[in-house]
Amino acid sequence: MAQKGVFAVPVKHRTQIAVGEKVPLELTERERDPIMKHTFAGNKLTDRLRIVPSPCRRPCYRFTLHDLDELAGYVAAEANHAKVKKLEKELRRMYGRIAEVLESYTAEPGASTH
């Protein structure tokens, strides 16, 4: 007999990485610009976004989980305070992409990876 109100939540596989190991975040120039221009993220987080990839290469930037979590906070904060709907929508989309990367990895020893 099925229980009412119980939802099955799919469990996502999380890749175990070492503390301080960097993970990839792909961003186009169009996605990078609002982060650099509209958030209060410091140079420690945004300097790597200023590096322009070689032609014909996908722009991929590497962050530790801690730095990526910090960047996600700045993006979410700016999305919450954006007065321009288009900017808000873009920042919320970026936050979702960053959150997806964060949810794909774990650096916690003994954490379940499935």
PDB file of N, CA and C in Angstrom:
ATOM      1  N   MET A   1       0.847  -1.178   0.000  1.00  0.00           N
ATOM      2  CA  MET A   1       0.000   0.000   0.000  1.00  0.00           C
ATOM      3  C   MET A   1       0.895   1.245   0.000  1.00  0.00           C
ATOM      4  N   ALA A   2       0.645   2.130  -0.941  1.00  0.00           N
ATOM      5  CA  ALA A   2       1.439   3.354  -1.069  1.00  0.00           C
ATOM      6  C   ALA A   2       1.018   4.368  -0.015  1.00  0.00           C
ATOM      7  N   GLN A   3       2.013   5.058   0.527  1.00  0.00           N
ATOM      8  CA  GLN A   3       1.730   6.086   1.516  1.00  0.00           C
ATOM      9  C   GLN A   3       1.452   7.397   0.808  1.00  0.00           C
ATOM     10  N   LYS A   4       0.459   8.101   1.296  1.00  0.00           N
ATOM     11  CA  LYS A   4       0.160   9.427   0.733  1.00  0.00           C
ATOM     12  C   LYS A   4       1.174  10.437   1.257  1.00  0.00           C
ATOM     13  N   GLY A   5       1.559  11.355   0.365  1.00  0.00           N
ATOM     14  CA  GLY A   5       2.420  12.452   0.780  1.00  0.00           C
ATOM     15  C   GLY A   5       3.903  12.105   0.843  1.00  0.00           C
ATOM     16  N   VAL A   6       4.286  10.893   0.463  1.00  0.00           N
ATOM     17  CA  VAL A   6       5.693  10.517   0.478  1.00  0.00           C
ATOM     18  C   VAL A   6       6.221  10.590  -0.950  1.00  0.00           C
ATOM     19  N   PHE A   7       7.279  11.359  -1.121  1.00  0.00           N
ATOM     20  CA  PHE A   7       7.873  11.534  -2.443  1.00  0.00           C
ATOM     21  C   PHE A   7       9.241  10.888  -2.464  1.00  0.00           C
ATOM     22  N   ALA A   8       9.535  10.209  -3.534  1.00  0.00           N
ATOM     23  CA  ALA A   8      10.865   9.636  -3.704  1.00  0.00           C
ATOM     24  C   ALA A   8      11.765  10.698  -4.325  1.00  0.00           C
ATOM     25  N   VAL A   9      12.832  11.007  -3.658  1.00  0.00           N
ATOM     26  CA  VAL A   9      13.782  11.998  -4.148  1.00  0.00           C
ATOM     27  C   VAL A   9      14.964  11.244  -4.735  1.00  0.00           C
ATOM     28  N   PRO A  10      15.267  11.464  -6.007  1.00  0.00           N
ATOM     29  CA  PRO A  10      16.401  10.751  -6.590  1.00  0.00           C
ATOM     30  C   PRO A  10      17.702  11.181  -5.912  1.00  0.00           C
ATOM     31  N   VAL A  11      18.540  10.221  -5.615  1.00  0.00           N
ATOM     32  CA  VAL A  11      19.812  10.496  -4.970  1.00  0.00           C
ATOM     33  C   VAL A  11      20.851  10.701  -6.060  1.00  0.00           C
ATOM     34  N   LYS A  12      21.531  11.822  -6.002  1.00  0.00           N
ATOM     35  CA  LYS A  12      22.521  12.160  -7.014  1.00  0.00           C
ATOM     36  C   LYS A  12      23.899  11.680  -6.567  1.00  0.00           C
ATOM     37  N   HIS A  13      24.621  11.116  -7.490  1.00  0.00           N
ATOM     38  CA  HIS A  13      25.985  10.667  -7.222  1.00  0.00           C
ATOM     39  C   HIS A  13      26.889  11.888  -7.030  1.00  0.00           C
ATOM     40  N   ARG A  14      27.652  11.892  -5.958  1.00  0.00           N
ATOM     41  CA  ARG A  14      28.597  12.976  -5.695  1.00  0.00           C
ATOM     42  C   ARG A  14      30.004  12.417  -5.784  1.00  0.00           C
ATOM     43  N   THR A  15      30.822  13.050  -6.565  1.00  0.00           N
ATOM     44  CA  THR A  15      32.202  12.617  -6.744  1.00  0.00           C
ATOM     45  C   THR A  15      33.032  13.076  -5.554  1.00  0.00           C
ATOM     46  N   GLN A  16      33.747  12.159  -4.936  1.00  0.00           N
ATOM     47  CA  GLN A  16      34.621  12.463  -3.803  1.00  0.00           C
ATOM     48  C   GLN A  16      35.893  13.126  -4.321  1.00  0.00           C
ATOM     49  N   ILE A  17      36.249  14.269  -3.765  1.00  0.00           N
ATOM     50  CA  ILE A  17      37.494  14.949  -4.125  1.00  0.00           C
ATOM     51  C   ILE A  17      38.238  15.305  -2.853  1.00  0.00           C
ATOM     52  N   ALA A  18      39.504  15.623  -2.983  1.00  0.00           N
ATOM     53  CA  ALA A  18      40.310  16.025  -1.840  1.00  0.00           C
ATOM     54  C   ALA A  18      39.951  17.454  -1.431  1.00  0.00           C
ATOM     55  N   VAL A  19      40.098  17.753  -0.161  1.00  0.00           N
ATOM     56  CA  VAL A  19      39.875  19.117   0.316  1.00  0.00           C
ATOM     57  C   VAL A  19      40.854  20.032  -0.410  1.00  0.00           C
ATOM     58  N   GLY A  20      40.361  21.113  -0.961  1.00  0.00           N
ATOM     59  CA  GLY A  20      41.209  22.062  -1.684  1.00  0.00           C
ATOM     60  C   GLY A  20      41.378  21.751  -3.157  1.00  0.00           C
ATOM     61  N   GLU A  21      40.896  20.587  -3.592  1.00  0.00           N
ATOM     62  CA  GLU A  21      40.967  20.249  -5.013  1.00  0.00           C
ATOM     63  C   GLU A  21      40.008  21.141  -5.784  1.00  0.00           C
ATOM     64  N   LYS A  22      40.365  21.515  -6.988  1.00  0.00           N
ATOM     65  CA  LYS A  22      39.536  22.411  -7.786  1.00  0.00           C
ATOM     66  C   LYS A  22      38.642  21.632  -8.740  1.00  0.00           C
ATOM     67  N   VAL A  23      37.437  22.165  -8.943  1.00  0.00           N
ATOM     68  CA  VAL A  23      36.462  21.548  -9.849  1.00  0.00           C
ATOM     69  C   VAL A  23      36.165  22.531 -10.977  1.00  0.00           C
ATOM     70  N   PRO A  24      35.759  22.023 -12.137  1.00  0.00           N
ATOM     71  CA  PRO A  24      35.529  22.900 -13.292  1.00  0.00           C
ATOM     72  C   PRO A  24      34.154  23.557 -13.286  1.00  0.00           C
ATOM     73  N   LEU A  25      34.112  24.788 -13.746  1.00  0.00           N
ATOM     74  CA  LEU A  25      32.873  25.523 -13.976  1.00  0.00           C
ATOM     75  C   LEU A  25      33.007  26.171 -15.344  1.00  0.00           C
ATOM     76  N   GLU A  26      32.172  25.741 -16.273  1.00  0.00           N
ATOM     77  CA  GLU A  26      32.203  26.319 -17.614  1.00  0.00           C
ATOM     78  C   GLU A  26      31.315  27.558 -17.654  1.00  0.00           C
ATOM     79  N   LEU A  27      31.892  28.661 -18.122  1.00  0.00           N
ATOM     80  CA  LEU A  27      31.168  29.929 -18.247  1.00  0.00           C
ATOM     81  C   LEU A  27      31.513  30.585 -19.571  1.00  0.00           C
ATOM     82  N   THR A  28      30.507  31.039 -20.269  1.00  0.00           N
ATOM     83  CA  THR A  28      30.761  31.811 -21.479  1.00  0.00           C
ATOM     84  C   THR A  28      31.075  33.251 -21.067  1.00  0.00           C
ATOM     85  N   GLU A  29      31.531  34.038 -22.019  1.00  0.00           N
ATOM     86  CA  GLU A  29      31.811  35.448 -21.733  1.00  0.00           C
ATOM     87  C   GLU A  29      30.545  36.156 -21.268  1.00  0.00           C
ATOM     88  N   ARG A  30      29.433  35.818 -21.900  1.00  0.00           N
ATOM     89  CA  ARG A  30      28.145  36.413 -21.534  1.00  0.00           C
ATOM     90  C   ARG A  30      27.746  36.058 -20.100  1.00  0.00           C
ATOM     91  N   GLU A  31      28.147  34.889 -19.637  1.00  0.00           N
ATOM     92  CA  GLU A  31      27.843  34.468 -18.270  1.00  0.00           C
ATOM     93  C   GLU A  31      28.832  35.053 -17.264  1.00  0.00           C
ATOM     94  N   ARG A  32      30.069  35.234 -17.675  1.00  0.00           N
ATOM     95  CA  ARG A  32      31.100  35.780 -16.787  1.00  0.00           C
ATOM     96  C   ARG A  32      30.845  37.240 -16.448  1.00  0.00           C
ATOM     97  N   ASP A  33      30.457  38.021 -17.464  1.00  0.00           N
ATOM     98  CA  ASP A  33      30.338  39.467 -17.287  1.00  0.00           C
ATOM     99  C   ASP A  33      29.444  39.897 -16.124  1.00  0.00           C
ATOM    100  N   PRO A  34      28.225  39.361 -15.990  1.00  0.00           N
ATOM    101  CA  PRO A  34      27.403  39.807 -14.853  1.00  0.00           C
ATOM    102  C   PRO A  34      28.031  39.486 -13.498  1.00  0.00           C
ATOM    103  N   ILE A  35      28.755  38.388 -13.417  1.00  0.00           N
ATOM    104  CA  ILE A  35      29.409  38.041 -12.153  1.00  0.00           C
ATOM    105  C   ILE A  35      30.470  39.075 -11.821  1.00  0.00           C
ATOM    106  N   MET A  36      31.275  39.432 -12.812  1.00  0.00           N
ATOM    107  CA  MET A  36      32.360  40.378 -12.572  1.00  0.00           C
ATOM    108  C   MET A  36      31.856  41.814 -12.394  1.00  0.00           C
ATOM    109  N   LYS A  37      30.799  42.182 -13.113  1.00  0.00           N
ATOM    110  CA  LYS A  37      30.344  43.569 -13.108  1.00  0.00           C
ATOM    111  C   LYS A  37      29.308  43.888 -12.027  1.00  0.00           C
ATOM    112  N   HIS A  38      28.521  42.905 -11.618  1.00  0.00           N
ATOM    113  CA  HIS A  38      27.384  43.215 -10.756  1.00  0.00           C
ATOM    114  C   HIS A  38      27.427  42.606  -9.362  1.00  0.00           C
ATOM    115  N   THR A  39      28.350  41.673  -9.103  1.00  0.00           N
ATOM    116  CA  THR A  39      28.398  41.097  -7.759  1.00  0.00           C
ATOM    117  C   THR A  39      29.512  41.755  -6.955  1.00  0.00           C
ATOM    118  N   PHE A  40      29.474  41.541  -5.654  1.00  0.00           N
ATOM    119  CA  PHE A  40      30.518  42.069  -4.780  1.00  0.00           C
ATOM    120  C   PHE A  40      31.617  41.046  -4.523  1.00  0.00           C
ATOM    121  N   ALA A  41      31.687  40.015  -5.354  1.00  0.00           N
ATOM    122  CA  ALA A  41      32.736  39.005  -5.210  1.00  0.00           C
ATOM    123  C   ALA A  41      34.095  39.677  -5.371  1.00  0.00           C
ATOM    124  N   GLY A  42      35.001  39.340  -4.496  1.00  0.00           N
ATOM    125  CA  GLY A  42      36.322  39.949  -4.508  1.00  0.00           C
ATOM    126  C   GLY A  42      37.219  39.408  -5.607  1.00  0.00           C
ATOM    127  N   ASN A  43      38.363  40.054  -5.749  1.00  0.00           N
ATOM    128  CA  ASN A  43      39.327  39.672  -6.789  1.00  0.00           C
ATOM    129  C   ASN A  43      39.792  38.232  -6.639  1.00  0.00           C
ATOM    130  N   LYS A  44      39.847  37.738  -5.400  1.00  0.00           N
ATOM    131  CA  LYS A  44      40.277  36.358  -5.179  1.00  0.00           C
ATOM    132  C   LYS A  44      39.404  35.387  -5.979  1.00  0.00           C
ATOM    133  N   LEU A  45      38.126  35.726  -6.121  1.00  0.00           N
ATOM    134  CA  LEU A  45      37.200  34.867  -6.851  1.00  0.00           C
ATOM    135  C   LEU A  45      37.085  35.240  -8.317  1.00  0.00           C
ATOM    136  N   THR A  46      37.180  36.517  -8.641  1.00  0.00           N
ATOM    137  CA  THR A  46      36.898  36.952 -10.012  1.00  0.00           C
ATOM    138  C   THR A  46      38.126  37.083 -10.903  1.00  0.00           C
ATOM    139  N   ASP A  47      39.321  37.150 -10.322  1.00  0.00           N
ATOM    140  CA  ASP A  47      40.522  37.302 -11.159  1.00  0.00           C
ATOM    141  C   ASP A  47      40.636  36.185 -12.184  1.00  0.00           C
ATOM    142  N   ARG A  48      40.330  34.962 -11.783  1.00  0.00           N
ATOM    143  CA  ARG A  48      40.456  33.837 -12.729  1.00  0.00           C
ATOM    144  C   ARG A  48      39.442  33.940 -13.859  1.00  0.00           C
ATOM    145  N   LEU A  49      38.335  34.668 -13.641  1.00  0.00           N
ATOM    146  CA  LEU A  49      37.328  34.837 -14.683  1.00  0.00           C
ATOM    147  C   LEU A  49      37.776  35.819 -15.757  1.00  0.00           C
ATOM    148  N   ARG A  50      38.805  36.600 -15.462  1.00  0.00           N
ATOM    149  CA  ARG A  50      39.312  37.579 -16.420  1.00  0.00           C
ATOM    150  C   ARG A  50      40.194  36.932 -17.489  1.00  0.00           C
ATOM    151  N   ILE A  51      40.607  35.702 -17.263  1.00  0.00           N
ATOM    152  CA  ILE A  51      41.458  34.994 -18.212  1.00  0.00           C
ATOM    153  C   ILE A  51      40.595  34.555 -19.397  1.00  0.00           C
ATOM    154  N   VAL A  52      40.958  34.999 -20.562  1.00  0.00           N
ATOM    155  CA  VAL A  52      40.201  34.672 -21.775  1.00  0.00           C
ATOM    156  C   VAL A  52      40.748  33.367 -22.328  1.00  0.00           C
ATOM    157  N   PRO A  53      39.886  32.391 -22.579  1.00  0.00           N
ATOM    158  CA  PRO A  53      40.365  31.111 -23.100  1.00  0.00           C
ATOM    159  C   PRO A  53      40.869  31.235 -24.533  1.00  0.00           C
ATOM    160  N   SER A  54      41.667  30.267 -24.928  1.00  0.00           N
ATOM    161  CA  SER A  54      42.176  30.217 -26.297  1.00  0.00           C
ATOM    162  C   SER A  54      41.013  30.056 -27.267  1.00  0.00           C
ATOM    163  N   PRO A  55      41.173  30.557 -28.485  1.00  0.00           N
ATOM    164  CA  PRO A  55      40.118  30.374 -29.487  1.00  0.00           C
ATOM    165  C   PRO A  55      39.819  28.880 -29.686  1.00  0.00           C
ATOM    166  N   CYS A  56      38.572  28.569 -29.931  1.00  0.00           N
ATOM    167  CA  CYS A  56      38.111  27.189 -30.171  1.00  0.00           C
ATOM    168  C   CYS A  56      38.175  26.310 -28.931  1.00  0.00           C
ATOM    169  N   ARG A  57      38.351  26.893 -27.756  1.00  0.00           N
ATOM    170  CA  ARG A  57      38.358  26.124 -26.513  1.00  0.00           C
ATOM    171  C   ARG A  57      37.196  26.579 -25.647  1.00  0.00           C
ATOM    172  N   ARG A  58      36.574  25.634 -24.983  1.00  0.00           N
ATOM    173  CA  ARG A  58      35.478  25.972 -24.084  1.00  0.00           C
ATOM    174  C   ARG A  58      36.035  26.686 -22.860  1.00  0.00           C
ATOM    175  N   PRO A  59      35.434  27.802 -22.464  1.00  0.00           N
ATOM    176  CA  PRO A  59      35.928  28.524 -21.286  1.00  0.00           C
ATOM    177  C   PRO A  59      35.581  27.770 -20.004  1.00  0.00           C
ATOM    178  N   CYS A  60      36.592  27.273 -19.336  1.00  0.00           N
ATOM    179  CA  CYS A  60      36.408  26.485 -18.126  1.00  0.00           C
ATOM    180  C   CYS A  60      37.290  27.068 -17.027  1.00  0.00           C
ATOM    181  N   TYR A  61      36.685  27.359 -15.897  1.00  0.00           N
ATOM    182  CA  TYR A  61      37.386  27.969 -14.776  1.00  0.00           C
ATOM    183  C   TYR A  61      37.341  27.002 -13.613  1.00  0.00           C
ATOM    184  N   ARG A  62      38.411  26.951 -12.829  1.00  0.00           N
ATOM    185  CA  ARG A  62      38.498  25.977 -11.760  1.00  0.00           C
ATOM    186  C   ARG A  62      38.430  26.678 -10.408  1.00  0.00           C
ATOM    187  N   PHE A  63      37.602  26.113  -9.528  1.00  0.00           N
ATOM    188  CA  PHE A  63      37.391  26.647  -8.187  1.00  0.00           C
ATOM    189  C   PHE A  63      37.428  25.514  -7.170  1.00  0.00           C
ATOM    190  N   THR A  64      37.874  25.816  -5.956  1.00  0.00           N
ATOM    191  CA  THR A  64      37.683  24.863  -4.871  1.00  0.00           C
ATOM    192  C   THR A  64      36.195  24.910  -4.510  1.00  0.00           C
ATOM    193  N   LEU A  65      35.709  23.891  -3.826  1.00  0.00           N
ATOM    194  CA  LEU A  65      34.303  23.901  -3.417  1.00  0.00           C
ATOM    195  C   LEU A  65      34.013  25.087  -2.503  1.00  0.00           C
ATOM    196  N   HIS A  66      34.970  25.426  -1.646  1.00  0.00           N
ATOM    197  CA  HIS A  66      34.781  26.572  -0.751  1.00  0.00           C
ATOM    198  C   HIS A  66      34.636  27.868  -1.548  1.00  0.00           C
ATOM    199  N   ASP A  67      35.534  28.079  -2.508  1.00  0.00           N
ATOM    200  CA  ASP A  67      35.472  29.296  -3.326  1.00  0.00           C
ATOM    201  C   ASP A  67      34.208  29.331  -4.182  1.00  0.00           C
ATOM    202  N   LEU A  68      33.823  28.188  -4.716  1.00  0.00           N
ATOM    203  CA  LEU A  68      32.619  28.122  -5.542  1.00  0.00           C
ATOM    204  C   LEU A  68      31.370  28.400  -4.711  1.00  0.00           C
ATOM    205  N   ASP A  69      31.355  27.907  -3.480  1.00  0.00           N
ATOM    206  CA  ASP A  69      30.237  28.177  -2.581  1.00  0.00           C
ATOM    207  C   ASP A  69      30.162  29.671  -2.251  1.00  0.00           C
ATOM    208  N   GLU A  70      31.312  30.274  -2.043  1.00  0.00           N
ATOM    209  CA  GLU A  70      31.368  31.710  -1.773  1.00  0.00           C
ATOM    210  C   GLU A  70      30.872  32.507  -2.984  1.00  0.00           C
ATOM    211  N   LEU A  71      31.319  32.118  -4.170  1.00  0.00           N
ATOM    212  CA  LEU A  71      30.874  32.784  -5.398  1.00  0.00           C
ATOM    213  C   LEU A  71      29.365  32.634  -5.566  1.00  0.00           C
ATOM    214  N   ALA A  72      28.842  31.454  -5.294  1.00  0.00           N
ATOM    215  CA  ALA A  72      27.394  31.215  -5.382  1.00  0.00           C
ATOM    216  C   ALA A  72      26.635  32.167  -4.457  1.00  0.00           C
ATOM    217  N   GLY A  73      27.170  32.422  -3.280  1.00  0.00           N
ATOM    218  CA  GLY A  73      26.532  33.348  -2.351  1.00  0.00           C
ATOM    219  C   GLY A  73      26.455  34.758  -2.899  1.00  0.00           C
ATOM    220  N   TYR A  74      27.529  35.209  -3.516  1.00  0.00           N
ATOM    221  CA  TYR A  74      27.534  36.548  -4.117  1.00  0.00           C
ATOM    222  C   TYR A  74      26.555  36.646  -5.285  1.00  0.00           C
ATOM    223  N   VAL A  75      26.510  35.601  -6.093  1.00  0.00           N
ATOM    224  CA  VAL A  75      25.601  35.596  -7.245  1.00  0.00           C
ATOM    225  C   VAL A  75      24.152  35.601  -6.757  1.00  0.00           C
ATOM    226  N   ALA A  76      23.838  34.779  -5.758  1.00  0.00           N
ATOM    227  CA  ALA A  76      22.472  34.725  -5.220  1.00  0.00           C
ATOM    228  C   ALA A  76      22.074  36.058  -4.584  1.00  0.00           C
ATOM    229  N   ALA A  77      22.988  36.662  -3.839  1.00  0.00           N
ATOM    230  CA  ALA A  77      22.693  37.942  -3.191  1.00  0.00           C
ATOM    231  C   ALA A  77      22.375  39.015  -4.224  1.00  0.00           C
ATOM    232  N   GLU A  78      23.166  39.067  -5.282  1.00  0.00           N
ATOM    233  CA  GLU A  78      22.920  40.078  -6.315  1.00  0.00           C
ATOM    234  C   GLU A  78      21.621  39.789  -7.052  1.00  0.00           C
ATOM    235  N   ALA A  79      21.313  38.521  -7.285  1.00  0.00           N
ATOM    236  CA  ALA A  79      20.052  38.164  -7.943  1.00  0.00           C
ATOM    237  C   ALA A  79      18.868  38.616  -7.085  1.00  0.00           C
ATOM    238  N   ASN A  80      18.993  38.460  -5.788  1.00  0.00           N
ATOM    239  CA  ASN A  80      17.915  38.859  -4.880  1.00  0.00           C
ATOM    240  C   ASN A  80      17.708  40.367  -4.826  1.00  0.00           C
ATOM    241  N   HIS A  81      18.747  41.131  -5.132  1.00  0.00           N
ATOM    242  CA  HIS A  81      18.651  42.590  -5.036  1.00  0.00           C
ATOM    243  C   HIS A  81      18.637  43.292  -6.395  1.00  0.00           C
ATOM    244  N   ALA A  82      18.683  42.523  -7.464  1.00  0.00           N
ATOM    245  CA  ALA A  82      18.720  43.124  -8.802  1.00  0.00           C
ATOM    246  C   ALA A  82      17.419  43.859  -9.093  1.00  0.00           C
ATOM    247  N   LYS A  83      17.541  45.046  -9.623  1.00  0.00           N
ATOM    248  CA  LYS A  83      16.372  45.845  -9.971  1.00  0.00           C
ATOM    249  C   LYS A  83      15.937  45.610 -11.422  1.00  0.00           C
ATOM    250  N   VAL A  84      16.828  45.051 -12.214  1.00  0.00           N
ATOM    251  CA  VAL A  84      16.548  44.770 -13.618  1.00  0.00           C
ATOM    252  C   VAL A  84      16.210  43.283 -13.737  1.00  0.00           C
ATOM    253  N   LYS A  85      15.012  42.982 -14.217  1.00  0.00           N
ATOM    254  CA  LYS A  85      14.528  41.599 -14.291  1.00  0.00           C
ATOM    255  C   LYS A  85      15.435  40.710 -15.135  1.00  0.00           C
ATOM    256  N   LYS A  86      15.932  41.226 -16.235  1.00  0.00           N
ATOM    257  CA  LYS A  86      16.795  40.436 -17.113  1.00  0.00           C
ATOM    258  C   LYS A  86      18.072  40.015 -16.371  1.00  0.00           C
ATOM    259  N   LEU A  87      18.669  40.947 -15.625  1.00  0.00           N
ATOM    260  CA  LEU A  87      19.860  40.642 -14.843  1.00  0.00           C
ATOM    261  C   LEU A  87      19.525  39.638 -13.745  1.00  0.00           C
ATOM    262  N   GLU A  88      18.408  39.830 -13.085  1.00  0.00           N
ATOM    263  CA  GLU A  88      17.988  38.904 -12.031  1.00  0.00           C
ATOM    264  C   GLU A  88      17.846  37.485 -12.583  1.00  0.00           C
ATOM    265  N   LYS A  89      17.196  37.366 -13.724  1.00  0.00           N
ATOM    266  CA  LYS A  89      16.985  36.058 -14.350  1.00  0.00           C
ATOM    267  C   LYS A  89      18.318  35.398 -14.706  1.00  0.00           C
ATOM    268  N   GLU A  90      19.230  36.167 -15.280  1.00  0.00           N
ATOM    269  CA  GLU A  90      20.539  35.642 -15.660  1.00  0.00           C
ATOM    270  C   GLU A  90      21.329  35.186 -14.428  1.00  0.00           C
ATOM    271  N   LEU A  91      21.309  35.985 -13.378  1.00  0.00           N
ATOM    272  CA  LEU A  91      22.043  35.626 -12.159  1.00  0.00           C
ATOM    273  C   LEU A  91      21.427  34.399 -11.484  1.00  0.00           C
ATOM    274  N   ARG A  92      20.115  34.287 -11.497  1.00  0.00           N
ATOM    275  CA  ARG A  92      19.467  33.096 -10.921  1.00  0.00           C
ATOM    276  C   ARG A  92      19.837  31.847 -11.725  1.00  0.00           C
ATOM    277  N   ARG A  93      19.901  31.979 -13.019  1.00  0.00           N
ATOM    278  CA  ARG A  93      20.310  30.856 -13.857  1.00  0.00           C
ATOM    279  C   ARG A  93      21.755  30.459 -13.552  1.00  0.00           C
ATOM    280  N   MET A  94      22.613  31.476 -13.384  1.00  0.00           N
ATOM    281  CA  MET A  94      24.013  31.206 -13.053  1.00  0.00           C
ATOM    282  C   MET A  94      24.132  30.532 -11.686  1.00  0.00           C
ATOM    283  N   TYR A  95      23.334  31.009 -10.737  1.00  0.00           N
ATOM    284  CA  TYR A  95      23.352  30.392  -9.407  1.00  0.00           C
ATOM    285  C   TYR A  95      22.976  28.908  -9.517  1.00  0.00           C
ATOM    286  N   GLY A  96      21.970  28.605 -10.314  1.00  0.00           N
ATOM    287  CA  GLY A  96      21.554  27.222 -10.507  1.00  0.00           C
ATOM    288  C   GLY A  96      22.661  26.359 -11.081  1.00  0.00           C
ATOM    289  N   ARG A  97      23.389  26.894 -12.036  1.00  0.00           N
ATOM    290  CA  ARG A  97      24.509  26.147 -12.629  1.00  0.00           C
ATOM    291  C   ARG A  97      25.618  25.918 -11.615  1.00  0.00           C
ATOM    292  N   ILE A  98      25.920  26.954 -10.820  1.00  0.00           N
ATOM    293  CA  ILE A  98      26.965  26.816  -9.803  1.00  0.00           C
ATOM    294  C   ILE A  98      26.522  25.793  -8.754  1.00  0.00           C
ATOM    295  N   ALA A  99      25.262  25.872  -8.336  1.00  0.00           N
ATOM    296  CA  ALA A  99      24.731  24.930  -7.341  1.00  0.00           C
ATOM    297  C   ALA A  99      24.798  23.497  -7.856  1.00  0.00           C
ATOM    298  N   GLU A 100      24.542  23.314  -9.134  1.00  0.00           N
ATOM    299  CA  GLU A 100      24.609  21.977  -9.737  1.00  0.00           C
ATOM    300  C   GLU A 100      26.029  21.410  -9.636  1.00  0.00           C
ATOM    301  N   VAL A 101      27.024  22.251  -9.888  1.00  0.00           N
ATOM    302  CA  VAL A 101      28.416  21.804  -9.759  1.00  0.00           C
ATOM    303  C   VAL A 101      28.712  21.484  -8.295  1.00  0.00           C
ATOM    304  N   LEU A 102      28.293  22.344  -7.381  1.00  0.00           N
ATOM    305  CA  LEU A 102      28.525  22.109  -5.956  1.00  0.00           C
ATOM    306  C   LEU A 102      27.900  20.798  -5.492  1.00  0.00           C
ATOM    307  N   GLU A 103      26.738  20.470  -6.004  1.00  0.00           N
ATOM    308  CA  GLU A 103      26.045  19.246  -5.604  1.00  0.00           C
ATOM    309  C   GLU A 103      26.645  17.998  -6.245  1.00  0.00           C
ATOM    310  N   SER A 104      27.539  18.174  -7.193  1.00  0.00           N
ATOM    311  CA  SER A 104      28.138  17.041  -7.895  1.00  0.00           C
ATOM    312  C   SER A 104      29.401  16.518  -7.207  1.00  0.00           C
ATOM    313  N   TYR A 105      29.930  17.266  -6.233  1.00  0.00           N
ATOM    314  CA  TYR A 105      31.185  16.911  -5.585  1.00  0.00           C
ATOM    315  C   TYR A 105      31.040  16.982  -4.075  1.00  0.00           C
ATOM    316  N   THR A 106      31.887  16.229  -3.387  1.00  0.00           N
ATOM    317  CA  THR A 106      31.999  16.341  -1.936  1.00  0.00           C
ATOM    318  C   THR A 106      33.460  16.200  -1.545  1.00  0.00           C
ATOM    319  N   ALA A 107      33.873  16.982  -0.572  1.00  0.00           N
ATOM    320  CA  ALA A 107      35.246  16.899  -0.057  1.00  0.00           C
ATOM    321  C   ALA A 107      35.219  16.405   1.381  1.00  0.00           C
ATOM    322  N   GLU A 108      34.053  16.021   1.857  1.00  0.00           N
ATOM    323  CA  GLU A 108      33.916  15.548   3.235  1.00  0.00           C
ATOM    324  C   GLU A 108      34.353  14.099   3.318  1.00  0.00           C
ATOM    325  N   PRO A 109      35.307  13.803   4.198  1.00  0.00           N
ATOM    326  CA  PRO A 109      35.742  12.420   4.344  1.00  0.00           C
ATOM    327  C   PRO A 109      34.578  11.550   4.840  1.00  0.00           C
ATOM    328  N   GLY A 110      34.427  10.401   4.239  1.00  0.00           N
ATOM    329  CA  GLY A 110      33.391   9.464   4.666  1.00  0.00           C
ATOM    330  C   GLY A 110      31.989   9.834   4.205  1.00  0.00           C
ATOM    331  N   ALA A 111      31.841  10.884   3.389  1.00  0.00           N
ATOM    332  CA  ALA A 111      30.512  11.271   2.915  1.00  0.00           C
ATOM    333  C   ALA A 111      30.034  10.249   1.907  1.00  0.00           C
ATOM    334  N   SER A 112      28.735  10.040   1.883  1.00  0.00           N
ATOM    335  CA  SER A 112      28.152   9.109   0.922  1.00  0.00           C
ATOM    336  C   SER A 112      28.273   9.689  -0.478  1.00  0.00           C
ATOM    337  N   THR A 113      28.728   8.879  -1.414  1.00  0.00           N
ATOM    338  CA  THR A 113      28.889   9.356  -2.783  1.00  0.00           C
ATOM    339  C   THR A 113      27.786   8.846  -3.696  1.00  0.00           C
ATOM    340  N   HIS A 114      26.731   8.291  -3.120  1.00  0.00           N
ATOM    341  CA  HIS A 114      25.570   7.896  -3.922  1.00  0.00           C
ATOM    342  C   HIS A 114      24.322   7.889  -3.111  1.00  0.00           C
TER     343      HIS A 114
END
